[in-house]
Protein backbone atom coordinates (compact mmCIF):
# COMPACT_ATOMS: atom_id res chain seq x y z
CA MET A 1 -0.28 -0.53 -0.43
CA SER A 2 1.71 3.56 -1.16
CA VAL A 3 0.86 6.69 0.45
CA PRO A 4 -1.00 9.30 -1.18
CA ARG A 5 1.70 12.38 -2.51
CA ARG A 6 0.80 15.40 -0.86
CA SER A 7 1.79 18.81 -1.17
CA PRO A 8 3.70 21.25 -0.06
CA SER A 9 1.19 23.86 0.99
CA LEU A 10 -1.60 21.05 2.49
CA ILE A 11 1.48 19.71 4.85
CA TRP A 12 1.88 23.45 5.94
CA THR A 13 -1.56 23.86 6.12
CA GLY A 14 -1.90 20.83 8.59
CA ARG A 15 0.69 21.76 10.58
CA ILE A 16 -0.61 25.62 10.84
CA VAL A 17 -4.07 24.05 11.73
CA PHE A 18 -1.88 21.60 14.36
CA ALA A 19 -0.45 24.42 15.93
CA LEU A 20 -3.43 26.69 16.15
CA GLY A 21 -5.79 24.08 17.84
CA VAL A 22 -2.40 23.13 20.43
CA ALA A 23 -2.39 26.82 21.21
CA GLY A 24 -6.29 27.28 21.66
CA LEU A 25 -6.16 23.76 24.08
CA VAL A 26 -3.27 25.99 26.09
CA GLY A 27 -5.16 29.47 26.65
CA TYR A 28 -8.38 27.30 27.46
CA PHE A 29 -6.86 25.65 29.78
CA ALA A 30 -5.04 28.25 31.25
CA ALA A 31 -8.05 30.61 31.92
CA VAL A 32 -10.55 27.60 33.29
CA GLY A 33 -7.70 26.80 35.54
CA LEU A 34 -6.16 23.24 36.09
CA GLU A 35 -8.83 21.12 37.72
CA LYS A 36 -11.86 21.85 34.94
CA ALA A 37 -8.74 21.59 32.65
CA ASP A 38 -8.07 18.32 33.83
CA ARG A 39 -11.31 16.88 33.84
CA LEU A 40 -11.86 18.22 30.20
CA GLY A 41 -8.80 16.89 29.09
CA SER A 42 -9.76 13.21 31.01
CA VAL A 43 -12.92 13.37 28.86
CA ILE A 44 -11.59 14.37 25.58
CA SER A 45 -8.56 11.11 25.82
CA CYS A 46 -11.92 8.63 26.26
CA LEU A 47 -13.33 10.52 23.24
CA VAL A 48 -10.25 9.91 21.32
CA ALA A 49 -9.18 6.38 22.15
CA LEU A 50 -13.00 5.47 21.66
CA GLY A 51 -12.69 7.30 18.45
CA ALA A 52 -9.52 5.16 17.90
CA LEU A 53 -11.29 1.64 18.77
CA VAL A 54 -13.83 2.55 16.13
CA ALA A 55 -12.21 4.30 13.53
CA PRO A 56 -11.21 1.41 11.57
CA TYR A 57 -14.49 -0.24 11.14
CA LEU A 58 -15.85 2.93 10.26
CA LEU A 59 -13.05 3.92 7.88
CA PRO A 60 -13.03 2.23 4.25
CA PRO A 61 -10.53 -0.91 3.51
CA ALA A 62 -8.21 -0.50 1.18
CA PRO A 63 -8.31 -1.12 -2.32
CA ALA A 64 -6.67 -5.24 -3.17
CA SER A 65 -3.57 -5.62 -5.00
CA SER A 66 -3.44 -7.93 -7.45
CA SER A 67 1.02 -7.17 -7.51
CA GLN A 68 0.79 -8.47 -4.44
CA GLU A 69 0.63 -12.40 -5.59
CA THR A 70 2.30 -12.13 -8.48
CA ALA A 71 5.28 -10.07 -7.22
CA GLU A 72 8.69 -11.65 -7.09
CA PRO A 73 11.12 -11.24 -4.17
CA PRO A 74 13.14 -8.21 -4.38
CA ASN A 75 16.44 -8.70 -5.74
CA GLY A 76 16.02 -11.81 -5.86
CA HIS A 77 16.27 -12.60 -1.80
CA GLY A 78 13.96 -14.40 -0.22
CA ILE A 79 11.73 -17.91 -0.70
CA ASP A 80 10.01 -18.23 -2.98
CA LEU A 81 7.29 -20.66 -2.44
CA ARG A 82 4.99 -20.76 -4.93
CA HIS A 83 6.10 -23.29 -7.58
CA ALA A 84 7.56 -25.61 -4.86
CA GLN A 85 6.99 -29.32 -5.49
CA GLY A 86 8.15 -30.66 -2.35
CA VAL A 87 10.64 -30.40 0.52
CA GLN A 88 13.81 -32.89 1.22
CA ILE A 89 15.24 -32.89 4.44
CA ASN A 90 18.91 -34.74 4.98
CA GLN A 91 20.21 -35.38 7.95
CA SER A 92 23.25 -36.14 9.55
CA GLY A 93 22.07 -39.66 10.50
CA GLY A 94 21.24 -40.38 7.07
CA ASN A 95 16.88 -40.17 7.14
CA SER A 96 15.29 -38.57 4.20
CA GLN A 97 11.97 -37.14 4.23
CA HIS A 98 9.90 -35.85 1.33
CA ASN A 99 6.94 -34.06 1.43
CA ASN A 100 4.38 -33.96 -1.45
CA PHE A 101 2.38 -31.38 -1.59
CA SER A 102 0.71 -31.44 -4.69
CA SER A 103 -2.55 -32.35 -4.67
């Protein structure tokens, strides 16, 4: 799954909105006092945690990619068992085992 490309202006807009949100929360919490800020912060934390638990069910699923099944191992490294017919294991005692996975 690849991450969509974002323009630099969109990234900076997100950063500015985030900074303004944090500054607004700090100002609000300083104005109402620590006791009320603590209670409000606890409620906000609970809502964010519940949102994080529910988000995977509300977001659309990622599109299925057919390239995963046909992709070769990168740079020829790794083990490719897609066309394996069986496995042979030789041990020092001369024992040999052959498993055939064809149907």
